[in-house]
């Protein structure tokens, strides 16, 4: 039976996600400047790939452990990278995602 320490998991993600986010934006900006990439779609793809590799790298090199078997830790690292890639690419600005955040905000807002 696999047990997962939720508090430990949150602590790990509280370190991993901001680091992956900053690294993703820095590496993407460096590649953008070094290769003079003007196409925003290419920059988004680079950003997503770097974020996913960052999540996988945290599992491989930093020992990010979700309390799961090794292969599933890599899957979860990739998912953490996807979430971070979404933040790096401004997914929250997309109309469908913005409506979801607005709905959540309205639930907790005073009228």
PDB file of N, CA and C in Angstrom:
ATOM      1  N   UNK A   1       0.844  -1.178   0.000  1.00  0.00           N
ATOM      2  CA  UNK A   1       0.000   0.000   0.000  1.00  0.00           C
ATOM      3  C   UNK A   1       0.892   1.244   0.000  1.00  0.00           C
ATOM      4  N   UNK A   2       0.560   2.174  -0.849  1.00  0.00           N
ATOM      5  CA  UNK A   2       1.319   3.410  -0.976  1.00  0.00           C
ATOM      6  C   UNK A   2       0.683   4.469  -0.087  1.00  0.00           C
ATOM      7  N   UNK A   3       1.504   5.105   0.747  1.00  0.00           N
ATOM      8  CA  UNK A   3       1.004   6.207   1.561  1.00  0.00           C
ATOM      9  C   UNK A   3       1.669   7.495   1.093  1.00  0.00           C
ATOM     10  N   UNK A   4       0.880   8.531   1.050  1.00  0.00           N
ATOM     11  CA  UNK A   4       1.375   9.819   0.594  1.00  0.00           C
ATOM     12  C   UNK A   4       1.204  10.820   1.727  1.00  0.00           C
ATOM     13  N   UNK A   5       2.296  11.491   2.076  1.00  0.00           N
ATOM     14  CA  UNK A   5       2.271  12.535   3.089  1.00  0.00           C
ATOM     15  C   UNK A   5       1.906  13.845   2.402  1.00  0.00           C
ATOM     16  N   UNK A   6       0.662  14.276   2.555  1.00  0.00           N
ATOM     17  CA  UNK A   6       0.152  15.453   1.855  1.00  0.00           C
ATOM     18  C   UNK A   6       0.926  16.710   2.241  1.00  0.00           C
ATOM     19  N   UNK A   7       1.213  16.888   3.524  1.00  0.00           N
ATOM     20  CA  UNK A   7       1.955  18.074   3.962  1.00  0.00           C
ATOM     21  C   UNK A   7       3.351  18.077   3.342  1.00  0.00           C
ATOM     22  N   UNK A   8       4.010  16.931   3.320  1.00  0.00           N
ATOM     23  CA  UNK A   8       5.326  16.828   2.684  1.00  0.00           C
ATOM     24  C   UNK A   8       5.252  17.125   1.196  1.00  0.00           C
ATOM     25  N   UNK A   9       4.207  16.649   0.561  1.00  0.00           N
ATOM     26  CA  UNK A   9       4.006  16.896  -0.867  1.00  0.00           C
ATOM     27  C   UNK A   9       3.823  18.392  -1.147  1.00  0.00           C
ATOM     28  N   UNK A  10       3.019  19.053  -0.329  1.00  0.00           N
ATOM     29  CA  UNK A  10       2.800  20.486  -0.497  1.00  0.00           C
ATOM     30  C   UNK A  10       4.097  21.251  -0.290  1.00  0.00           C
ATOM     31  N   UNK A  11       4.892  20.837   0.704  1.00  0.00           N
ATOM     32  CA  UNK A  11       6.183  21.495   0.942  1.00  0.00           C
ATOM     33  C   UNK A  11       7.105  21.337  -0.262  1.00  0.00           C
ATOM     34  N   UNK A  12       7.132  20.142  -0.832  1.00  0.00           N
ATOM     35  CA  UNK A  12       7.981  19.909  -2.001  1.00  0.00           C
ATOM     36  C   UNK A  12       7.530  20.767  -3.181  1.00  0.00           C
ATOM     37  N   UNK A  13       6.228  20.794  -3.430  1.00  0.00           N
ATOM     38  CA  UNK A  13       5.705  21.576  -4.556  1.00  0.00           C
ATOM     39  C   UNK A  13       5.863  23.073  -4.324  1.00  0.00           C
ATOM     40  N   UNK A  14       5.833  23.502  -3.059  1.00  0.00           N
ATOM     41  CA  UNK A  14       6.019  24.918  -2.752  1.00  0.00           C
ATOM     42  C   UNK A  14       7.429  25.383  -3.107  1.00  0.00           C
ATOM     43  N   UNK A  15       8.360  24.462  -3.160  1.00  0.00           N
ATOM     44  CA  UNK A  15       9.720  24.785  -3.587  1.00  0.00           C
ATOM     45  C   UNK A  15       9.861  24.561  -5.093  1.00  0.00           C
ATOM     46  N   UNK A  16       9.372  23.436  -5.571  1.00  0.00           N
ATOM     47  CA  UNK A  16       9.595  23.043  -6.968  1.00  0.00           C
ATOM     48  C   UNK A  16       8.903  23.975  -7.958  1.00  0.00           C
ATOM     49  N   UNK A  17       7.651  24.297  -7.748  1.00  0.00           N
ATOM     50  CA  UNK A  17       6.892  25.059  -8.743  1.00  0.00           C
ATOM     51  C   UNK A  17       7.470  26.464  -8.961  1.00  0.00           C
ATOM     52  N   UNK A  18       7.770  27.241  -7.912  1.00  0.00           N
ATOM     53  CA  UNK A  18       8.354  28.556  -8.189  1.00  0.00           C
ATOM     54  C   UNK A  18       9.718  28.472  -8.881  1.00  0.00           C
ATOM     55  N   UNK A  19      10.520  27.491  -8.501  1.00  0.00           N
ATOM     56  CA  UNK A  19      11.839  27.350  -9.126  1.00  0.00           C
ATOM     57  C   UNK A  19      11.684  26.988 -10.604  1.00  0.00           C
ATOM     58  N   UNK A  20      10.786  26.057 -10.904  1.00  0.00           N
ATOM     59  CA  UNK A  20      10.553  25.668 -12.300  1.00  0.00           C
ATOM     60  C   UNK A  20      10.004  26.859 -13.082  1.00  0.00           C
ATOM     61  N   UNK A  21       9.116  27.630 -12.474  1.00  0.00           N
ATOM     62  CA  UNK A  21       8.527  28.791 -13.143  1.00  0.00           C
ATOM     63  C   UNK A  21       9.592  29.824 -13.513  1.00  0.00           C
ATOM     64  N   UNK A  22      10.446  30.162 -12.562  1.00  0.00           N
ATOM     65  CA  UNK A  22      11.495  31.153 -12.829  1.00  0.00           C
ATOM     66  C   UNK A  22      12.485  30.612 -13.857  1.00  0.00           C
ATOM     67  N   UNK A  23      12.861  29.345 -13.714  1.00  0.00           N
ATOM     68  CA  UNK A  23      13.794  28.750 -14.675  1.00  0.00           C
ATOM     69  C   UNK A  23      13.194  28.706 -16.073  1.00  0.00           C
ATOM     70  N   UNK A  24      11.921  28.374 -16.164  1.00  0.00           N
ATOM     71  CA  UNK A  24      11.246  28.309 -17.462  1.00  0.00           C
ATOM     72  C   UNK A  24      11.256  29.671 -18.139  1.00  0.00           C
ATOM     73  N   UNK A  25      10.887  30.691 -17.409  1.00  0.00           N
ATOM     74  CA  UNK A  25      10.846  32.022 -18.005  1.00  0.00           C
ATOM     75  C   UNK A  25      12.247  32.514 -18.371  1.00  0.00           C
ATOM     76  N   UNK A  26      13.227  32.205 -17.533  1.00  0.00           N
ATOM     77  CA  UNK A  26      14.599  32.642 -17.805  1.00  0.00           C
ATOM     78  C   UNK A  26      15.177  31.934 -19.020  1.00  0.00           C
ATOM     79  N   UNK A  27      15.027  30.625 -19.073  1.00  0.00           N
ATOM     80  CA  UNK A  27      15.577  29.854 -20.199  1.00  0.00           C
ATOM     81  C   UNK A  27      14.862  30.218 -21.495  1.00  0.00           C
ATOM     82  N   UNK A  28      13.542  30.355 -21.445  1.00  0.00           N
ATOM     83  CA  UNK A  28      12.794  30.741 -22.647  1.00  0.00           C
ATOM     84  C   UNK A  28      13.228  32.115 -23.138  1.00  0.00           C
ATOM     85  N   UNK A  29      13.393  33.065 -22.223  1.00  0.00           N
ATOM     86  CA  UNK A  29      13.842  34.406 -22.614  1.00  0.00           C
ATOM     87  C   UNK A  29      15.256  34.369 -23.188  1.00  0.00           C
ATOM     88  N   UNK A  30      16.112  33.537 -22.606  1.00  0.00           N
ATOM     89  CA  UNK A  30      17.480  33.421 -23.117  1.00  0.00           C
ATOM     90  C   UNK A  30      17.489  32.840 -24.530  1.00  0.00           C
ATOM     91  N   UNK A  31      16.689  31.802 -24.753  1.00  0.00           N
ATOM     92  CA  UNK A  31      16.606  31.212 -26.091  1.00  0.00           C
ATOM     93  C   UNK A  31      15.993  32.201 -27.082  1.00  0.00           C
ATOM     94  N   UNK A  32      14.984  32.924 -26.619  1.00  0.00           N
ATOM     95  CA  UNK A  32      14.339  33.941 -27.461  1.00  0.00           C
ATOM     96  C   UNK A  32      15.360  34.989 -27.906  1.00  0.00           C
ATOM     97  N   UNK A  33      16.183  35.432 -26.965  1.00  0.00           N
ATOM     98  CA  UNK A  33      17.181  36.445 -27.292  1.00  0.00           C
ATOM     99  C   UNK A  33      18.339  35.892 -28.107  1.00  0.00           C
ATOM    100  N   UNK A  34      18.788  34.698 -27.775  1.00  0.00           N
ATOM    101  CA  UNK A  34      19.953  34.126 -28.457  1.00  0.00           C
ATOM    102  C   UNK A  34      19.653  33.784 -29.913  1.00  0.00           C
ATOM    103  N   UNK A  35      18.457  33.290 -30.168  1.00  0.00           N
ATOM    104  CA  UNK A  35      18.109  32.857 -31.527  1.00  0.00           C
ATOM    105  C   UNK A  35      17.157  33.826 -32.231  1.00  0.00           C
ATOM    106  N   UNK A  36      16.867  34.965 -31.584  1.00  0.00           N
ATOM    107  CA  UNK A  36      15.995  35.993 -32.150  1.00  0.00           C
ATOM    108  C   UNK A  36      14.671  35.403 -32.655  1.00  0.00           C
ATOM    109  N   UNK A  37      14.013  34.663 -31.783  1.00  0.00           N
ATOM    110  CA  UNK A  37      12.740  34.019 -32.122  1.00  0.00           C
ATOM    111  C   UNK A  37      11.628  35.048 -31.986  1.00  0.00           C
ATOM    112  N   UNK A  38      10.949  35.316 -33.083  1.00  0.00           N
ATOM    113  CA  UNK A  38       9.889  36.323 -33.092  1.00  0.00           C
ATOM    114  C   UNK A  38       8.491  35.717 -33.046  1.00  0.00           C
ATOM    115  N   UNK A  39       8.359  34.448 -33.386  1.00  0.00           N
ATOM    116  CA  UNK A  39       7.059  33.793 -33.417  1.00  0.00           C
ATOM    117  C   UNK A  39       6.614  33.467 -31.991  1.00  0.00           C
ATOM    118  N   UNK A  40       5.507  34.053 -31.509  1.00  0.00           N
ATOM    119  CA  UNK A  40       5.068  33.779 -30.137  1.00  0.00           C
ATOM    120  C   UNK A  40       4.682  32.319 -29.909  1.00  0.00           C
ATOM    121  N   UNK A  41       4.200  31.642 -30.954  1.00  0.00           N
ATOM    122  CA  UNK A  41       3.845  30.230 -30.796  1.00  0.00           C
ATOM    123  C   UNK A  41       5.080  29.381 -30.521  1.00  0.00           C
ATOM    124  N   UNK A  42       6.183  29.702 -31.165  1.00  0.00           N
ATOM    125  CA  UNK A  42       7.433  28.973 -30.917  1.00  0.00           C
ATOM    126  C   UNK A  42       7.898  29.219 -29.482  1.00  0.00           C
ATOM    127  N   UNK A  43       7.775  30.455 -29.027  1.00  0.00           N
ATOM    128  CA  UNK A  43       8.152  30.759 -27.640  1.00  0.00           C
ATOM    129  C   UNK A  43       7.285  29.993 -26.647  1.00  0.00           C
ATOM    130  N   UNK A  44       5.995  29.863 -26.949  1.00  0.00           N
ATOM    131  CA  UNK A  44       5.108  29.092 -26.070  1.00  0.00           C
ATOM    132  C   UNK A  44       5.515  27.627 -26.046  1.00  0.00           C
ATOM    133  N   UNK A  45       5.820  27.069 -27.191  1.00  0.00           N
ATOM    134  CA  UNK A  45       6.226  25.653 -27.248  1.00  0.00           C
ATOM    135  C   UNK A  45       7.514  25.454 -26.463  1.00  0.00           C
ATOM    136  N   UNK A  46       8.476  26.344 -26.661  1.00  0.00           N
ATOM    137  CA  UNK A  46       9.735  26.237 -25.920  1.00  0.00           C
ATOM    138  C   UNK A  46       9.461  26.310 -24.422  1.00  0.00           C
ATOM    139  N   UNK A  47       8.598  27.223 -24.025  1.00  0.00           N
ATOM    140  CA  UNK A  47       8.269  27.396 -22.617  1.00  0.00           C
ATOM    141  C   UNK A  47       7.618  26.144 -22.030  1.00  0.00           C
ATOM    142  N   UNK A  48       6.687  25.543 -22.767  1.00  0.00           N
ATOM    143  CA  UNK A  48       6.040  24.316 -22.289  1.00  0.00           C
ATOM    144  C   UNK A  48       7.050  23.179 -22.157  1.00  0.00           C
ATOM    145  N   UNK A  49       7.919  23.024 -23.152  1.00  0.00           N
ATOM    146  CA  UNK A  49       8.911  21.938 -23.122  1.00  0.00           C
ATOM    147  C   UNK A  49       9.879  22.138 -21.965  1.00  0.00           C
ATOM    148  N   UNK A  50      10.360  23.359 -21.782  1.00  0.00           N
ATOM    149  CA  UNK A  50      11.294  23.641 -20.690  1.00  0.00           C
ATOM    150  C   UNK A  50      10.630  23.377 -19.338  1.00  0.00           C
ATOM    151  N   UNK A  51       9.363  23.760 -19.182  1.00  0.00           N
ATOM    152  CA  UNK A  51       8.654  23.538 -17.919  1.00  0.00           C
ATOM    153  C   UNK A  51       8.495  22.052 -17.624  1.00  0.00           C
ATOM    154  N   UNK A  52       8.129  21.275 -18.620  1.00  0.00           N
ATOM    155  CA  UNK A  52       7.969  19.829 -18.407  1.00  0.00           C
ATOM    156  C   UNK A  52       9.312  19.191 -18.073  1.00  0.00           C
ATOM    157  N   UNK A  53      10.358  19.578 -18.804  1.00  0.00           N
ATOM    158  CA  UNK A  53      11.696  19.050 -18.501  1.00  0.00           C
ATOM    159  C   UNK A  53      12.141  19.481 -17.107  1.00  0.00           C
ATOM    160  N   UNK A  54      11.753  20.680 -16.692  1.00  0.00           N
ATOM    161  CA  UNK A  54      12.067  21.130 -15.340  1.00  0.00           C
ATOM    162  C   UNK A  54      11.404  20.272 -14.280  1.00  0.00           C
ATOM    163  N   UNK A  55      10.141  19.924 -14.498  1.00  0.00           N
ATOM    164  CA  UNK A  55       9.441  19.037 -13.559  1.00  0.00           C
ATOM    165  C   UNK A  55      10.084  17.663 -13.494  1.00  0.00           C
ATOM    166  N   UNK A  56      10.441  17.134 -14.655  1.00  0.00           N
ATOM    167  CA  UNK A  56      11.112  15.833 -14.684  1.00  0.00           C
ATOM    168  C   UNK A  56      12.498  15.920 -14.057  1.00  0.00           C
ATOM    169  N   UNK A  57      13.186  17.051 -14.288  1.00  0.00           N
ATOM    170  CA  UNK A  57      14.506  17.247 -13.708  1.00  0.00           C
ATOM    171  C   UNK A  57      14.457  17.328 -12.195  1.00  0.00           C
ATOM    172  N   UNK A  58      13.412  17.936 -11.661  1.00  0.00           N
ATOM    173  CA  UNK A  58      13.279  17.981 -10.207  1.00  0.00           C
ATOM    174  C   UNK A  58      13.152  16.576  -9.634  1.00  0.00           C
ATOM    175  N   UNK A  59      12.430  15.720 -10.309  1.00  0.00           N
ATOM    176  CA  UNK A  59      12.306  14.336  -9.833  1.00  0.00           C
ATOM    177  C   UNK A  59      13.651  13.633  -9.937  1.00  0.00           C
ATOM    178  N   UNK A  60      14.334  13.813 -11.074  1.00  0.00           N
ATOM    179  CA  UNK A  60      15.578  13.095 -11.317  1.00  0.00           C
ATOM    180  C   UNK A  60      16.729  13.581 -10.433  1.00  0.00           C
ATOM    181  N   UNK A  61      16.882  14.897 -10.311  1.00  0.00           N
ATOM    182  CA  UNK A  61      18.077  15.425  -9.658  1.00  0.00           C
ATOM    183  C   UNK A  61      17.855  15.927  -8.238  1.00  0.00           C
ATOM    184  N   UNK A  62      16.660  16.371  -7.953  1.00  0.00           N
ATOM    185  CA  UNK A  62      16.401  16.936  -6.636  1.00  0.00           C
ATOM    186  C   UNK A  62      15.685  15.944  -5.730  1.00  0.00           C
ATOM    187  N   UNK A  63      15.238  14.845  -6.287  1.00  0.00           N
ATOM    188  CA  UNK A  63      14.575  13.842  -5.474  1.00  0.00           C
ATOM    189  C   UNK A  63      13.153  14.181  -5.102  1.00  0.00           C
ATOM    190  N   UNK A  64      12.479  14.992  -5.929  1.00  0.00           N
ATOM    191  CA  UNK A  64      11.070  15.284  -5.683  1.00  0.00           C
ATOM    192  C   UNK A  64      10.338  13.952  -5.620  1.00  0.00           C
ATOM    193  N   UNK A  65       9.726  13.682  -4.482  1.00  0.00           N
ATOM    194  CA  UNK A  65       9.134  12.364  -4.250  1.00  0.00           C
ATOM    195  C   UNK A  65       7.684  12.544  -3.826  1.00  0.00           C
ATOM    196  N   UNK A  66       6.783  11.992  -4.616  1.00  0.00           N
ATOM    197  CA  UNK A  66       5.361  12.100  -4.330  1.00  0.00           C
ATOM    198  C   UNK A  66       4.847  10.921  -3.519  1.00  0.00           C
ATOM    199  N   UNK A  67       5.750  10.060  -3.067  1.00  0.00           N
ATOM    200  CA  UNK A  67       5.349   8.887  -2.299  1.00  0.00           C
ATOM    201  C   UNK A  67       4.793   7.780  -3.172  1.00  0.00           C
ATOM    202  N   UNK A  68       5.117   7.821  -4.444  1.00  0.00           N
ATOM    203  CA  UNK A  68       4.631   6.841  -5.412  1.00  0.00           C
ATOM    204  C   UNK A  68       5.807   6.050  -5.953  1.00  0.00           C
ATOM    205  N   UNK A  69       5.549   4.956  -6.673  1.00  0.00           N
ATOM    206  CA  UNK A  69       6.648   4.252  -7.342  1.00  0.00           C
ATOM    207  C   UNK A  69       7.379   5.197  -8.303  1.00  0.00           C
ATOM    208  N   UNK A  70       8.617   4.912  -8.589  1.00  0.00           N
ATOM    209  CA  UNK A  70       9.497   5.809  -9.346  1.00  0.00           C
ATOM    210  C   UNK A  70       8.881   6.303 -10.653  1.00  0.00           C
ATOM    211  N   UNK A  71       8.307   5.423 -11.444  1.00  0.00           N
ATOM    212  CA  UNK A  71       7.731   5.838 -12.725  1.00  0.00           C
ATOM    213  C   UNK A  71       6.614   6.852 -12.520  1.00  0.00           C
ATOM    214  N   UNK A  72       5.799   6.664 -11.499  1.00  0.00           N
ATOM    215  CA  UNK A  72       4.703   7.593 -11.233  1.00  0.00           C
ATOM    216  C   UNK A  72       5.223   8.920 -10.699  1.00  0.00           C
ATOM    217  N   UNK A  73       6.360   8.900 -10.004  1.00  0.00           N
ATOM    218  CA  UNK A  73       6.969  10.161  -9.580  1.00  0.00           C
ATOM    219  C   UNK A  73       7.323  11.010 -10.794  1.00  0.00           C
ATOM    220  N   UNK A  74       7.826  10.370 -11.853  1.00  0.00           N
ATOM    221  CA  UNK A  74       8.154  11.101 -13.080  1.00  0.00           C
ATOM    222  C   UNK A  74       6.892  11.629 -13.765  1.00  0.00           C
ATOM    223  N   UNK A  75       5.830  10.847 -13.738  1.00  0.00           N
ATOM    224  CA  UNK A  75       4.559  11.313 -14.306  1.00  0.00           C
ATOM    225  C   UNK A  75       4.076  12.546 -13.546  1.00  0.00           C
ATOM    226  N   UNK A  76       4.124  12.483 -12.227  1.00  0.00           N
ATOM    227  CA  UNK A  76       3.688  13.610 -11.408  1.00  0.00           C
ATOM    228  C   UNK A  76       4.624  14.814 -11.584  1.00  0.00           C
ATOM    229  N   UNK A  77       5.922  14.570 -11.765  1.00  0.00           N
ATOM    230  CA  UNK A  77       6.859  15.660 -12.047  1.00  0.00           C
ATOM    231  C   UNK A  77       6.512  16.340 -13.362  1.00  0.00           C
ATOM    232  N   UNK A  78       6.139  15.531 -14.361  1.00  0.00           N
ATOM    233  CA  UNK A  78       5.711  16.085 -15.641  1.00  0.00           C
ATOM    234  C   UNK A  78       4.432  16.895 -15.507  1.00  0.00           C
ATOM    235  N   UNK A  79       3.509  16.425 -14.685  1.00  0.00           N
ATOM    236  CA  UNK A  79       2.262  17.161 -14.444  1.00  0.00           C
ATOM    237  C   UNK A  79       2.563  18.480 -13.726  1.00  0.00           C
ATOM    238  N   UNK A  80       3.467  18.444 -12.755  1.00  0.00           N
ATOM    239  CA  UNK A  80       3.879  19.684 -12.080  1.00  0.00           C
ATOM    240  C   UNK A  80       4.497  20.641 -13.100  1.00  0.00           C
ATOM    241  N   UNK A  81       5.252  20.109 -14.043  1.00  0.00           N
ATOM    242  CA  UNK A  81       5.813  20.928 -15.107  1.00  0.00           C
ATOM    243  C   UNK A  81       4.732  21.518 -15.996  1.00  0.00           C
ATOM    244  N   UNK A  82       3.696  20.739 -16.292  1.00  0.00           N
ATOM    245  CA  UNK A  82       2.575  21.249 -17.090  1.00  0.00           C
ATOM    246  C   UNK A  82       1.859  22.388 -16.378  1.00  0.00           C
ATOM    247  N   UNK A  83       1.635  22.208 -15.093  1.00  0.00           N
ATOM    248  CA  UNK A  83       0.985  23.260 -14.311  1.00  0.00           C
ATOM    249  C   UNK A  83       1.843  24.521 -14.322  1.00  0.00           C
ATOM    250  N   UNK A  84       3.136  24.333 -14.130  1.00  0.00           N
ATOM    251  CA  UNK A  84       4.052  25.460 -14.137  1.00  0.00           C
ATOM    252  C   UNK A  84       4.120  26.099 -15.521  1.00  0.00           C
ATOM    253  N   UNK A  85       4.108  25.274 -16.563  1.00  0.00           N
ATOM    254  CA  UNK A  85       4.092  25.798 -17.924  1.00  0.00           C
ATOM    255  C   UNK A  85       2.858  26.637 -18.175  1.00  0.00           C
ATOM    256  N   UNK A  86       1.740  26.222 -17.613  1.00  0.00           N
ATOM    257  CA  UNK A  86       0.517  27.009 -17.732  1.00  0.00           C
ATOM    258  C   UNK A  86       0.664  28.371 -17.091  1.00  0.00           C
ATOM    259  N   UNK A  87       1.291  28.399 -15.932  1.00  0.00           N
ATOM    260  CA  UNK A  87       1.521  29.685 -15.263  1.00  0.00           C
ATOM    261  C   UNK A  87       2.503  30.534 -16.052  1.00  0.00           C
ATOM    262  N   UNK A  88       3.547  29.924 -16.576  1.00  0.00           N
ATOM    263  CA  UNK A  88       4.564  30.663 -17.333  1.00  0.00           C
ATOM    264  C   UNK A  88       4.000  31.221 -18.633  1.00  0.00           C
ATOM    265  N   UNK A  89       3.037  30.535 -19.204  1.00  0.00           N
ATOM    266  CA  UNK A  89       2.463  30.964 -20.475  1.00  0.00           C
ATOM    267  C   UNK A  89       1.203  31.797 -20.319  1.00  0.00           C
ATOM    268  N   UNK A  90       0.828  32.105 -19.103  1.00  0.00           N
ATOM    269  CA  UNK A  90      -0.341  32.947 -18.889  1.00  0.00           C
ATOM    270  C   UNK A  90      -1.647  32.259 -19.233  1.00  0.00           C
ATOM    271  N   UNK A  91      -1.761  30.963 -18.928  1.00  0.00           N
ATOM    272  CA  UNK A  91      -2.989  30.219 -19.215  1.00  0.00           C
ATOM    273  C   UNK A  91      -4.185  30.870 -18.528  1.00  0.00           C
ATOM    274  N   UNK A  92      -3.939  31.495 -17.373  1.00  0.00           N
ATOM    275  CA  UNK A  92      -5.040  32.122 -16.645  1.00  0.00           C
ATOM    276  C   UNK A  92      -5.651  33.284 -17.421  1.00  0.00           C
ATOM    277  N   UNK A  93      -4.972  33.754 -18.473  1.00  0.00           N
ATOM    278  CA  UNK A  93      -5.531  34.810 -19.319  1.00  0.00           C
ATOM    279  C   UNK A  93      -6.454  34.262 -20.403  1.00  0.00           C
ATOM    280  N   UNK A  94      -6.406  32.963 -20.657  1.00  0.00           N
ATOM    281  CA  UNK A  94      -7.255  32.382 -21.686  1.00  0.00           C
ATOM    282  C   UNK A  94      -8.707  32.508 -21.247  1.00  0.00           C
ATOM    283  N   UNK A  95      -9.623  32.847 -22.154  1.00  0.00           N
ATOM    284  CA  UNK A  95     -11.010  33.136 -21.767  1.00  0.00           C
ATOM    285  C   UNK A  95     -11.691  32.013 -20.971  1.00  0.00           C
ATOM    286  N   UNK A  96     -11.541  30.771 -21.381  1.00  0.00           N
ATOM    287  CA  UNK A  96     -12.212  29.677 -20.668  1.00  0.00           C
ATOM    288  C   UNK A  96     -11.649  29.523 -19.263  1.00  0.00           C
ATOM    289  N   UNK A  97     -10.335  29.593 -19.133  1.00  0.00           N
ATOM    290  CA  UNK A  97      -9.700  29.449 -17.826  1.00  0.00           C
ATOM    291  C   UNK A  97     -10.024  30.673 -16.963  1.00  0.00           C
ATOM    292  N   UNK A  98     -10.059  31.839 -17.564  1.00  0.00           N
ATOM    293  CA  UNK A  98     -10.384  33.063 -16.820  1.00  0.00           C
ATOM    294  C   UNK A  98     -11.799  32.978 -16.247  1.00  0.00           C
ATOM    295  N   UNK A  99     -12.740  32.426 -17.007  1.00  0.00           N
ATOM    296  CA  UNK A  99     -14.111  32.266 -16.494  1.00  0.00           C
ATOM    297  C   UNK A  99     -14.140  31.351 -15.271  1.00  0.00           C
ATOM    298  N   UNK A 100     -13.323  30.295 -15.287  1.00  0.00           N
ATOM    299  CA  UNK A 100     -13.267  29.380 -14.137  1.00  0.00           C
ATOM    300  C   UNK A 100     -12.737  30.122 -12.913  1.00  0.00           C
ATOM    301  N   UNK A 101     -11.650  30.878 -13.079  1.00  0.00           N
ATOM    302  CA  UNK A 101     -11.093  31.636 -11.961  1.00  0.00           C
ATOM    303  C   UNK A 101     -12.069  32.712 -11.476  1.00  0.00           C
ATOM    304  N   UNK A 102     -12.765  33.351 -12.400  1.00  0.00           N
ATOM    305  CA  UNK A 102     -13.756  34.345 -12.015  1.00  0.00           C
ATOM    306  C   UNK A 102     -14.894  33.707 -11.225  1.00  0.00           C
ATOM    307  N   UNK A 103     -15.313  32.513 -11.619  1.00  0.00           N
ATOM    308  CA  UNK A 103     -16.376  31.807 -10.896  1.00  0.00           C
ATOM    309  C   UNK A 103     -15.923  31.452  -9.481  1.00  0.00           C
ATOM    310  N   UNK A 104     -14.688  30.988  -9.348  1.00  0.00           N
ATOM    311  CA  UNK A 104     -14.160  30.649  -8.019  1.00  0.00           C
ATOM    312  C   UNK A 104     -14.063  31.905  -7.163  1.00  0.00           C
ATOM    313  N   UNK A 105     -13.581  32.984  -7.755  1.00  0.00           N
ATOM    314  CA  UNK A 105     -13.459  34.243  -7.023  1.00  0.00           C
ATOM    315  C   UNK A 105     -14.815  34.757  -6.572  1.00  0.00           C
ATOM    316  N   UNK A 106     -15.821  34.625  -7.440  1.00  0.00           N
ATOM    317  CA  UNK A 106     -17.151  35.120  -7.074  1.00  0.00           C
ATOM    318  C   UNK A 106     -17.757  34.335  -5.914  1.00  0.00           C
ATOM    319  N   UNK A 107     -17.401  33.086  -5.779  1.00  0.00           N
ATOM    320  CA  UNK A 107     -17.909  32.276  -4.668  1.00  0.00           C
ATOM    321  C   UNK A 107     -17.418  32.823  -3.341  1.00  0.00           C
ATOM    322  N   UNK A 108     -16.147  33.262  -3.314  1.00  0.00           N
ATOM    323  CA  UNK A 108     -15.548  33.714  -2.069  1.00  0.00           C
ATOM    324  C   UNK A 108     -15.593  35.235  -1.870  1.00  0.00           C
ATOM    325  N   UNK A 109     -16.192  35.935  -2.807  1.00  0.00           N
ATOM    326  CA  UNK A 109     -16.284  37.392  -2.700  1.00  0.00           C
ATOM    327  C   UNK A 109     -17.556  37.797  -1.998  1.00  0.00           C
ATOM    328  N   UNK A 110     -17.442  38.883  -1.256  1.00  0.00           N
ATOM    329  CA  UNK A 110     -18.649  39.436  -0.609  1.00  0.00           C
ATOM    330  C   UNK A 110     -19.385  40.281  -1.628  1.00  0.00           C
ATOM    331  N   UNK A 111     -20.684  40.239  -1.544  1.00  0.00           N
ATOM    332  CA  UNK A 111     -21.512  41.011  -2.472  1.00  0.00           C
ATOM    333  C   UNK A 111     -21.622  42.436  -2.013  1.00  0.00           C
TER     334      UNK A 111
END
